[in-house]
Amino acid sequence: MKIALRLLTNKYIIASIVFIVMILFFSPYDYFTIRKAQAELDDINDKIAFLNKESDRMNTELSTLTTDTAALEKYARELYHQKKEGEDVYVIK
């Protein structure tokens, strides 16, 4: 009991505990702010990865449409419901 009381009243232990509490909770860069910023950074990195994949997909689609006329015709028929003379277009949703 005396050892625990001596440790709790030691000025270095008290100063260390106060310092740790101040750094963890009252600092402008406290633990919770850093965790929140890290979570936001992870979300942004996920969005960047998704957008890079989407950009690559669109670039390949663009190159296909500019080089292949059959693919361009298929794209126009599917997306814009275009048709040739004498054809009927049925849209099923």
PDB file of N, CA and C in Angstrom:
ATOM      1  N   MET A   1       0.821  -1.182   0.000  1.00  0.00           N
ATOM      2  CA  MET A   1       0.000   0.000   0.000  1.00  0.00           C
ATOM      3  C   MET A   1       0.871   1.254   0.000  1.00  0.00           C
ATOM      4  N   LYS A   2       1.940   1.210   0.796  1.00  0.00           N
ATOM      5  CA  LYS A   2       2.812   2.375   0.860  1.00  0.00           C
ATOM      6  C   LYS A   2       3.528   2.606  -0.469  1.00  0.00           C
ATOM      7  N   ILE A   3       3.845   1.520  -1.162  1.00  0.00           N
ATOM      8  CA  ILE A   3       4.536   1.646  -2.450  1.00  0.00           C
ATOM      9  C   ILE A   3       3.601   2.290  -3.474  1.00  0.00           C
ATOM     10  N   ALA A   4       2.355   1.886  -3.498  1.00  0.00           N
ATOM     11  CA  ALA A   4       1.389   2.468  -4.427  1.00  0.00           C
ATOM     12  C   ALA A   4       1.162   3.933  -4.114  1.00  0.00           C
ATOM     13  N   LEU A   5       1.090   4.292  -2.845  1.00  0.00           N
ATOM     14  CA  LEU A   5       0.903   5.691  -2.450  1.00  0.00           C
ATOM     15  C   LEU A   5       2.118   6.521  -2.830  1.00  0.00           C
ATOM     16  N   ARG A   6       3.304   5.964  -2.677  1.00  0.00           N
ATOM     17  CA  ARG A   6       4.520   6.684  -3.051  1.00  0.00           C
ATOM     18  C   ARG A   6       4.582   6.889  -4.562  1.00  0.00           C
ATOM     19  N   LEU A   7       4.148   5.892  -5.332  1.00  0.00           N
ATOM     20  CA  LEU A   7       4.141   6.038  -6.789  1.00  0.00           C
ATOM     21  C   LEU A   7       3.127   7.078  -7.246  1.00  0.00           C
ATOM     22  N   LEU A   8       1.962   7.099  -6.610  1.00  0.00           N
ATOM     23  CA  LEU A   8       0.928   8.052  -6.999  1.00  0.00           C
ATOM     24  C   LEU A   8       1.276   9.487  -6.603  1.00  0.00           C
ATOM     25  N   THR A   9       2.076   9.654  -5.596  1.00  0.00           N
ATOM     26  CA  THR A   9       2.448  11.010  -5.170  1.00  0.00           C
ATOM     27  C   THR A   9       3.794  11.444  -5.735  1.00  0.00           C
ATOM     28  N   ASN A  10       4.430  10.614  -6.534  1.00  0.00           N
ATOM     29  CA  ASN A  10       5.702  10.973  -7.149  1.00  0.00           C
ATOM     30  C   ASN A  10       5.439  12.049  -8.205  1.00  0.00           C
ATOM     31  N   LYS A  11       6.194  13.146  -8.111  1.00  0.00           N
ATOM     32  CA  LYS A  11       5.930  14.276  -9.008  1.00  0.00           C
ATOM     33  C   LYS A  11       6.220  13.939 -10.467  1.00  0.00           C
ATOM     34  N   TYR A  12       7.124  13.038 -10.731  1.00  0.00           N
ATOM     35  CA  TYR A  12       7.435  12.660 -12.108  1.00  0.00           C
ATOM     36  C   TYR A  12       6.315  11.802 -12.714  1.00  0.00           C
ATOM     37  N   ILE A  13       5.760  10.922 -11.908  1.00  0.00           N
ATOM     38  CA  ILE A  13       4.636  10.091 -12.362  1.00  0.00           C
ATOM     39  C   ILE A  13       3.426  10.986 -12.622  1.00  0.00           C
ATOM     40  N   ILE A  14       3.142  11.903 -11.736  1.00  0.00           N
ATOM     41  CA  ILE A  14       2.000  12.808 -11.910  1.00  0.00           C
ATOM     42  C   ILE A  14       2.199  13.668 -13.152  1.00  0.00           C
ATOM     43  N   ALA A  15       3.399  14.203 -13.335  1.00  0.00           N
ATOM     44  CA  ALA A  15       3.676  15.030 -14.516  1.00  0.00           C
ATOM     45  C   ALA A  15       3.545  14.210 -15.793  1.00  0.00           C
ATOM     46  N   SER A  16       3.997  12.956 -15.761  1.00  0.00           N
ATOM     47  CA  SER A  16       3.883  12.092 -16.934  1.00  0.00           C
ATOM     48  C   SER A  16       2.420  11.802 -17.269  1.00  0.00           C
ATOM     49  N   ILE A  17       1.626  11.523 -16.264  1.00  0.00           N
ATOM     50  CA  ILE A  17       0.202  11.239 -16.484  1.00  0.00           C
ATOM     51  C   ILE A  17      -0.509  12.473 -17.022  1.00  0.00           C
ATOM     52  N   VAL A  18      -0.224  13.639 -16.463  1.00  0.00           N
ATOM     53  CA  VAL A  18      -0.835  14.875 -16.940  1.00  0.00           C
ATOM     54  C   VAL A  18      -0.416  15.134 -18.392  1.00  0.00           C
ATOM     55  N   PHE A  19       0.832  14.925 -18.705  1.00  0.00           N
ATOM     56  CA  PHE A  19       1.321  15.125 -20.071  1.00  0.00           C
ATOM     57  C   PHE A  19       0.621  14.185 -21.056  1.00  0.00           C
ATOM     58  N   ILE A  20       0.516  12.930 -20.686  1.00  0.00           N
ATOM     59  CA  ILE A  20      -0.132  11.952 -21.565  1.00  0.00           C
ATOM     60  C   ILE A  20      -1.604  12.296 -21.777  1.00  0.00           C
ATOM     61  N   VAL A  21      -2.289  12.687 -20.722  1.00  0.00           N
ATOM     62  CA  VAL A  21      -3.705  13.072 -20.841  1.00  0.00           C
ATOM     63  C   VAL A  21      -3.852  14.298 -21.732  1.00  0.00           C
ATOM     64  N   MET A  22      -2.973  15.266 -21.566  1.00  0.00           N
ATOM     65  CA  MET A  22      -3.047  16.478 -22.397  1.00  0.00           C
ATOM     66  C   MET A  22      -2.798  16.149 -23.864  1.00  0.00           C
ATOM     67  N   ILE A  23      -1.824  15.307 -24.131  1.00  0.00           N
ATOM     68  CA  ILE A  23      -1.512  14.947 -25.513  1.00  0.00           C
ATOM     69  C   ILE A  23      -2.646  14.135 -26.131  1.00  0.00           C
ATOM     70  N   LEU A  24      -3.223  13.206 -25.382  1.00  0.00           N
ATOM     71  CA  LEU A  24      -4.271  12.351 -25.933  1.00  0.00           C
ATOM     72  C   LEU A  24      -5.594  13.068 -26.140  1.00  0.00           C
ATOM     73  N   PHE A  25      -5.947  14.023 -25.285  1.00  0.00           N
ATOM     74  CA  PHE A  25      -7.286  14.582 -25.338  1.00  0.00           C
ATOM     75  C   PHE A  25      -7.354  16.072 -25.647  1.00  0.00           C
ATOM     76  N   PHE A  26      -6.379  16.860 -25.257  1.00  0.00           N
ATOM     77  CA  PHE A  26      -6.494  18.310 -25.363  1.00  0.00           C
ATOM     78  C   PHE A  26      -5.577  18.944 -26.391  1.00  0.00           C
ATOM     79  N   SER A  27      -4.776  18.185 -27.049  1.00  0.00           N
ATOM     80  CA  SER A  27      -3.870  18.698 -28.062  1.00  0.00           C
ATOM     81  C   SER A  27      -4.630  18.946 -29.362  1.00  0.00           C
ATOM     82  N   PRO A  28      -4.172  19.909 -30.187  1.00  0.00           N
ATOM     83  CA  PRO A  28      -4.825  20.087 -31.495  1.00  0.00           C
ATOM     84  C   PRO A  28      -4.686  18.844 -32.371  1.00  0.00           C
ATOM     85  N   TYR A  29      -3.699  18.034 -32.144  1.00  0.00           N
ATOM     86  CA  TYR A  29      -3.489  16.792 -32.886  1.00  0.00           C
ATOM     87  C   TYR A  29      -3.699  15.606 -31.949  1.00  0.00           C
ATOM     88  N   ASP A  30      -4.841  15.595 -31.288  1.00  0.00           N
ATOM     89  CA  ASP A  30      -5.113  14.510 -30.355  1.00  0.00           C
ATOM     90  C   ASP A  30      -5.404  13.210 -31.090  1.00  0.00           C
ATOM     91  N   TYR A  31      -5.519  12.166 -30.337  1.00  0.00           N
ATOM     92  CA  TYR A  31      -5.677  10.819 -30.880  1.00  0.00           C
ATOM     93  C   TYR A  31      -6.915  10.701 -31.757  1.00  0.00           C
ATOM     94  N   PHE A  32      -8.019  11.264 -31.320  1.00  0.00           N
ATOM     95  CA  PHE A  32      -9.277  11.116 -32.041  1.00  0.00           C
ATOM     96  C   PHE A  32      -9.269  11.896 -33.351  1.00  0.00           C
ATOM     97  N   THR A  33      -8.645  13.057 -33.370  1.00  0.00           N
ATOM     98  CA  THR A  33      -8.536  13.843 -34.595  1.00  0.00           C
ATOM     99  C   THR A  33      -7.671  13.117 -35.620  1.00  0.00           C
ATOM    100  N   ILE A  34      -6.603  12.532 -35.165  1.00  0.00           N
ATOM    101  CA  ILE A  34      -5.714  11.792 -36.067  1.00  0.00           C
ATOM    102  C   ILE A  34      -6.431  10.568 -36.637  1.00  0.00           C
ATOM    103  N   ARG A  35      -7.192   9.850 -35.816  1.00  0.00           N
ATOM    104  CA  ARG A  35      -7.947   8.686 -36.300  1.00  0.00           C
ATOM    105  C   ARG A  35      -8.997   9.098 -37.327  1.00  0.00           C
ATOM    106  N   LYS A  36      -9.677  10.220 -37.090  1.00  0.00           N
ATOM    107  CA  LYS A  36     -10.693  10.706 -38.025  1.00  0.00           C
ATOM    108  C   LYS A  36     -10.048  11.105 -39.350  1.00  0.00           C
ATOM    109  N   ALA A  37      -8.921  11.787 -39.279  1.00  0.00           N
ATOM    110  CA  ALA A  37      -8.216  12.189 -40.497  1.00  0.00           C
ATOM    111  C   ALA A  37      -7.713  10.972 -41.262  1.00  0.00           C
ATOM    112  N   GLN A  38      -7.261   9.956 -40.574  1.00  0.00           N
ATOM    113  CA  GLN A  38      -6.800   8.730 -41.223  1.00  0.00           C
ATOM    114  C   GLN A  38      -7.950   8.022 -41.927  1.00  0.00           C
ATOM    115  N   ALA A  39      -9.128   7.996 -41.303  1.00  0.00           N
ATOM    116  CA  ALA A  39     -10.295   7.375 -41.932  1.00  0.00           C
ATOM    117  C   ALA A  39     -10.697   8.147 -43.189  1.00  0.00           C
ATOM    118  N   GLU A  40     -10.667   9.471 -43.129  1.00  0.00           N
ATOM    119  CA  GLU A  40     -10.980  10.283 -44.308  1.00  0.00           C
ATOM    120  C   GLU A  40      -9.969  10.037 -45.423  1.00  0.00           C
ATOM    121  N   LEU A  41      -8.706   9.927 -45.058  1.00  0.00           N
ATOM    122  CA  LEU A  41      -7.661   9.657 -46.041  1.00  0.00           C
ATOM    123  C   LEU A  41      -7.869   8.304 -46.711  1.00  0.00           C
ATOM    124  N   ASP A  42      -8.250   7.302 -45.932  1.00  0.00           N
ATOM    125  CA  ASP A  42      -8.529   5.978 -46.502  1.00  0.00           C
ATOM    126  C   ASP A  42      -9.707   6.032 -47.477  1.00  0.00           C
ATOM    127  N   ASP A  43     -10.761   6.777 -47.112  1.00  0.00           N
ATOM    128  CA  ASP A  43     -11.913   6.918 -48.011  1.00  0.00           C
ATOM    129  C   ASP A  43     -11.518   7.606 -49.307  1.00  0.00           C
ATOM    130  N   ILE A  44     -10.727   8.649 -49.211  1.00  0.00           N
ATOM    131  CA  ILE A  44     -10.298   9.378 -50.402  1.00  0.00           C
ATOM    132  C   ILE A  44      -9.417   8.502 -51.284  1.00  0.00           C
ATOM    133  N   ASN A  45      -8.535   7.720 -50.681  1.00  0.00           N
ATOM    134  CA  ASN A  45      -7.689   6.816 -51.471  1.00  0.00           C
ATOM    135  C   ASN A  45      -8.524   5.747 -52.173  1.00  0.00           C
ATOM    136  N   ASP A  46      -9.583   5.264 -51.508  1.00  0.00           N
ATOM    137  CA  ASP A  46     -10.479   4.300 -52.156  1.00  0.00           C
ATOM    138  C   ASP A  46     -11.187   4.940 -53.345  1.00  0.00           C
ATOM    139  N   LYS A  47     -11.642   6.187 -53.181  1.00  0.00           N
ATOM    140  CA  LYS A  47     -12.304   6.886 -54.280  1.00  0.00           C
ATOM    141  C   LYS A  47     -11.344   7.120 -55.440  1.00  0.00           C
ATOM    142  N   ILE A  48     -10.101   7.457 -55.129  1.00  0.00           N
ATOM    143  CA  ILE A  48      -9.100   7.672 -56.181  1.00  0.00           C
ATOM    144  C   ILE A  48      -8.851   6.383 -56.955  1.00  0.00           C
ATOM    145  N   ALA A  49      -8.743   5.270 -56.244  1.00  0.00           N
ATOM    146  CA  ALA A  49      -8.526   3.985 -56.917  1.00  0.00           C
ATOM    147  C   ALA A  49      -9.713   3.636 -57.808  1.00  0.00           C
ATOM    148  N   PHE A  50     -10.926   3.854 -57.307  1.00  0.00           N
ATOM    149  CA  PHE A  50     -12.118   3.573 -58.109  1.00  0.00           C
ATOM    150  C   PHE A  50     -12.149   4.446 -59.351  1.00  0.00           C
ATOM    151  N   LEU A  51     -11.872   5.732 -59.193  1.00  0.00           N
ATOM    152  CA  LEU A  51     -11.917   6.644 -60.336  1.00  0.00           C
ATOM    153  C   LEU A  51     -10.819   6.342 -61.346  1.00  0.00           C
ATOM    154  N   ASN A  52      -9.660   5.888 -60.891  1.00  0.00           N
ATOM    155  CA  ASN A  52      -8.603   5.486 -61.825  1.00  0.00           C
ATOM    156  C   ASN A  52      -9.027   4.275 -62.645  1.00  0.00           C
ATOM    157  N   LYS A  53      -9.665   3.293 -61.996  1.00  0.00           N
ATOM    158  CA  LYS A  53     -10.158   2.126 -62.729  1.00  0.00           C
ATOM    159  C   LYS A  53     -11.235   2.532 -63.724  1.00  0.00           C
ATOM    160  N   GLU A  54     -12.131   3.417 -63.308  1.00  0.00           N
ATOM    161  CA  GLU A  54     -13.199   3.874 -64.187  1.00  0.00           C
ATOM    162  C   GLU A  54     -12.633   4.648 -65.377  1.00  0.00           C
ATOM    163  N   SER A  55     -11.617   5.450 -65.137  1.00  0.00           N
ATOM    164  CA  SER A  55     -10.970   6.205 -66.209  1.00  0.00           C
ATOM    165  C   SER A  55     -10.303   5.267 -67.206  1.00  0.00           C
ATOM    166  N   ASP A  56      -9.636   4.236 -66.706  1.00  0.00           N
ATOM    167  CA  ASP A  56      -9.014   3.251 -67.604  1.00  0.00           C
ATOM    168  C   ASP A  56     -10.061   2.528 -68.443  1.00  0.00           C
ATOM    169  N   ARG A  57     -11.189   2.174 -67.809  1.00  0.00           N
ATOM    170  CA  ARG A  57     -12.257   1.495 -68.539  1.00  0.00           C
ATOM    171  C   ARG A  57     -12.816   2.405 -69.635  1.00  0.00           C
ATOM    172  N   MET A  58     -13.015   3.667 -69.306  1.00  0.00           N
ATOM    173  CA  MET A  58     -13.549   4.608 -70.296  1.00  0.00           C
ATOM    174  C   MET A  58     -12.560   4.857 -71.431  1.00  0.00           C
ATOM    175  N   ASN A  59     -11.289   4.898 -71.114  1.00  0.00           N
ATOM    176  CA  ASN A  59     -10.284   5.085 -72.170  1.00  0.00           C
ATOM    177  C   ASN A  59     -10.256   3.905 -73.132  1.00  0.00           C
ATOM    178  N   THR A  60     -10.366   2.692 -72.604  1.00  0.00           N
ATOM    179  CA  THR A  60     -10.397   1.527 -73.497  1.00  0.00           C
ATOM    180  C   THR A  60     -11.674   1.516 -74.328  1.00  0.00           C
ATOM    181  N   GLU A  61     -12.787   1.927 -73.718  1.00  0.00           N
ATOM    182  CA  GLU A  61     -14.041   1.996 -74.466  1.00  0.00           C
ATOM    183  C   GLU A  61     -13.957   3.058 -75.568  1.00  0.00           C
ATOM    184  N   LEU A  62     -13.345   4.184 -75.264  1.00  0.00           N
ATOM    185  CA  LEU A  62     -13.182   5.245 -76.258  1.00  0.00           C
ATOM    186  C   LEU A  62     -12.301   4.788 -77.412  1.00  0.00           C
ATOM    187  N   SER A  63     -11.213   4.121 -77.097  1.00  0.00           N
ATOM    188  CA  SER A  63     -10.340   3.651 -78.173  1.00  0.00           C
ATOM    189  C   SER A  63     -11.031   2.592 -79.027  1.00  0.00           C
ATOM    190  N   THR A  64     -11.855   1.766 -78.396  1.00  0.00           N
ATOM    191  CA  THR A  64     -12.610   0.772 -79.154  1.00  0.00           C
ATOM    192  C   THR A  64     -13.625   1.447 -80.066  1.00  0.00           C
ATOM    193  N   LEU A  65     -14.314   2.468 -79.559  1.00  0.00           N
ATOM    194  CA  LEU A  65     -15.336   3.146 -80.358  1.00  0.00           C
ATOM    195  C   LEU A  65     -14.731   3.952 -81.503  1.00  0.00           C
ATOM    196  N   THR A  66     -13.533   4.482 -81.318  1.00  0.00           N
ATOM    197  CA  THR A  66     -12.921   5.280 -82.382  1.00  0.00           C
ATOM    198  C   THR A  66     -12.296   4.409 -83.465  1.00  0.00           C
ATOM    199  N   THR A  67     -11.958   3.167 -83.147  1.00  0.00           N
ATOM    200  CA  THR A  67     -11.295   2.322 -84.139  1.00  0.00           C
ATOM    201  C   THR A  67     -12.234   1.311 -84.789  1.00  0.00           C
ATOM    202  N   ASP A  68     -13.232   0.852 -84.091  1.00  0.00           N
ATOM    203  CA  ASP A  68     -14.089  -0.224 -84.579  1.00  0.00           C
ATOM    204  C   ASP A  68     -15.485   0.321 -84.890  1.00  0.00           C
ATOM    205  N   THR A  69     -15.868   0.313 -86.149  1.00  0.00           N
ATOM    206  CA  THR A  69     -17.176   0.858 -86.536  1.00  0.00           C
ATOM    207  C   THR A  69     -18.315  -0.046 -86.088  1.00  0.00           C
ATOM    208  N   ALA A  70     -18.087  -1.342 -86.019  1.00  0.00           N
ATOM    209  CA  ALA A  70     -19.130  -2.255 -85.549  1.00  0.00           C
ATOM    210  C   ALA A  70     -19.439  -2.004 -84.073  1.00  0.00           C
ATOM    211  N   ALA A  71     -18.401  -1.743 -83.298  1.00  0.00           N
ATOM    212  CA  ALA A  71     -18.605  -1.445 -81.878  1.00  0.00           C
ATOM    213  C   ALA A  71     -19.326  -0.109 -81.721  1.00  0.00           C
ATOM    214  N   LEU A  72     -19.010   0.850 -82.572  1.00  0.00           N
ATOM    215  CA  LEU A  72     -19.680   2.152 -82.524  1.00  0.00           C
ATOM    216  C   LEU A  72     -21.159   2.001 -82.856  1.00  0.00           C
ATOM    217  N   GLU A  73     -21.468   1.196 -83.873  1.00  0.00           N
ATOM    218  CA  GLU A  73     -22.871   0.966 -84.233  1.00  0.00           C
ATOM    219  C   GLU A  73     -23.612   0.273 -83.102  1.00  0.00           C
ATOM    220  N   LYS A  74     -22.984  -0.727 -82.481  1.00  0.00           N
ATOM    221  CA  LYS A  74     -23.599  -1.443 -81.360  1.00  0.00           C
ATOM    222  C   LYS A  74     -23.855  -0.495 -80.196  1.00  0.00           C
ATOM    223  N   TYR A  75     -22.891   0.370 -79.913  1.00  0.00           N
ATOM    224  CA  TYR A  75     -23.022   1.342 -78.818  1.00  0.00           C
ATOM    225  C   TYR A  75     -24.185   2.288 -79.095  1.00  0.00           C
ATOM    226  N   ALA A  76     -24.289   2.801 -80.316  1.00  0.00           N
ATOM    227  CA  ALA A  76     -25.361   3.727 -80.668  1.00  0.00           C
ATOM    228  C   ALA A  76     -26.714   3.034 -80.594  1.00  0.00           C
ATOM    229  N   ARG A  77     -26.789   1.797 -81.038  1.00  0.00           N
ATOM    230  CA  ARG A  77     -28.059   1.072 -81.003  1.00  0.00           C
ATOM    231  C   ARG A  77     -28.507   0.811 -79.573  1.00  0.00           C
ATOM    232  N   GLU A  78     -27.573   0.426 -78.704  1.00  0.00           N
ATOM    233  CA  GLU A  78     -27.942   0.091 -77.330  1.00  0.00           C
ATOM    234  C   GLU A  78     -28.240   1.327 -76.494  1.00  0.00           C
ATOM    235  N   LEU A  79     -27.407   2.332 -76.616  1.00  0.00           N
ATOM    236  CA  LEU A  79     -27.541   3.478 -75.722  1.00  0.00           C
ATOM    237  C   LEU A  79     -28.575   4.483 -76.211  1.00  0.00           C
ATOM    238  N   TYR A  80     -28.595   4.753 -77.485  1.00  0.00           N
ATOM    239  CA  TYR A  80     -29.468   5.795 -78.023  1.00  0.00           C
ATOM    240  C   TYR A  80     -30.675   5.246 -78.759  1.00  0.00           C
ATOM    241  N   HIS A  81     -30.876   3.940 -78.746  1.00  0.00           N
ATOM    242  CA  HIS A  81     -32.017   3.287 -79.365  1.00  0.00           C
ATOM    243  C   HIS A  81     -32.157   3.671 -80.839  1.00  0.00           C
ATOM    244  N   GLN A  82     -31.041   3.728 -81.521  1.00  0.00           N
ATOM    245  CA  GLN A  82     -31.089   4.029 -82.946  1.00  0.00           C
ATOM    246  C   GLN A  82     -31.348   2.748 -83.727  1.00  0.00           C
ATOM    247  N   LYS A  83     -31.873   2.914 -84.941  1.00  0.00           N
ATOM    248  CA  LYS A  83     -32.215   1.747 -85.739  1.00  0.00           C
ATOM    249  C   LYS A  83     -31.956   2.038 -87.201  1.00  0.00           C
ATOM    250  N   LYS A  84     -31.906   0.974 -87.958  1.00  0.00           N
ATOM    251  CA  LYS A  84     -31.785   1.104 -89.406  1.00  0.00           C
ATOM    252  C   LYS A  84     -33.189   1.205 -89.992  1.00  0.00           C
ATOM    253  N   GLU A  85     -33.259   1.555 -91.257  1.00  0.00           N
ATOM    254  CA  GLU A  85     -34.551   1.628 -91.935  1.00  0.00           C
ATOM    255  C   GLU A  85     -35.218   0.257 -91.954  1.00  0.00           C
ATOM    256  N   GLY A  86     -36.487   0.223 -91.625  1.00  0.00           N
ATOM    257  CA  GLY A  86     -37.237  -1.022 -91.683  1.00  0.00           C
ATOM    258  C   GLY A  86     -37.105  -1.877 -90.445  1.00  0.00           C
ATOM    259  N   GLU A  87     -36.343  -1.462 -89.428  1.00  0.00           N
ATOM    260  CA  GLU A  87     -36.194  -2.242 -88.207  1.00  0.00           C
ATOM    261  C   GLU A  87     -37.151  -1.698 -87.142  1.00  0.00           C
ATOM    262  N   ASP A  88     -37.536  -2.555 -86.234  1.00  0.00           N
ATOM    263  CA  ASP A  88     -38.319  -2.150 -85.071  1.00  0.00           C
ATOM    264  C   ASP A  88     -37.449  -2.312 -83.839  1.00  0.00           C
ATOM    265  N   VAL A  89     -37.536  -1.366 -82.920  1.00  0.00           N
ATOM    266  CA  VAL A  89     -36.748  -1.400 -81.687  1.00  0.00           C
ATOM    267  C   VAL A  89     -37.706  -1.628 -80.529  1.00  0.00           C
ATOM    268  N   TYR A  90     -37.414  -2.646 -79.748  1.00  0.00           N
ATOM    269  CA  TYR A  90     -38.203  -2.945 -78.553  1.00  0.00           C
ATOM    270  C   TYR A  90     -37.313  -2.714 -77.338  1.00  0.00           C
ATOM    271  N   VAL A  91     -37.748  -1.854 -76.444  1.00  0.00           N
ATOM    272  CA  VAL A  91     -36.997  -1.551 -75.237  1.00  0.00           C
ATOM    273  C   VAL A  91     -37.698  -2.259 -74.071  1.00  0.00           C
ATOM    274  N   ILE A  92     -36.973  -3.134 -73.407  1.00  0.00           N
ATOM    275  CA  ILE A  92     -37.509  -3.885 -72.273  1.00  0.00           C
ATOM    276  C   ILE A  92     -36.807  -3.399 -71.023  1.00  0.00           C
ATOM    277  N   LYS A  93     -37.606  -2.920 -70.086  1.00  0.00           N
ATOM    278  CA  LYS A  93     -37.027  -2.436 -68.824  1.00  0.00           C
ATOM    279  C   LYS A  93     -37.429  -3.326 -67.689  1.00  0.00           C
TER     280      LYS A  93
END
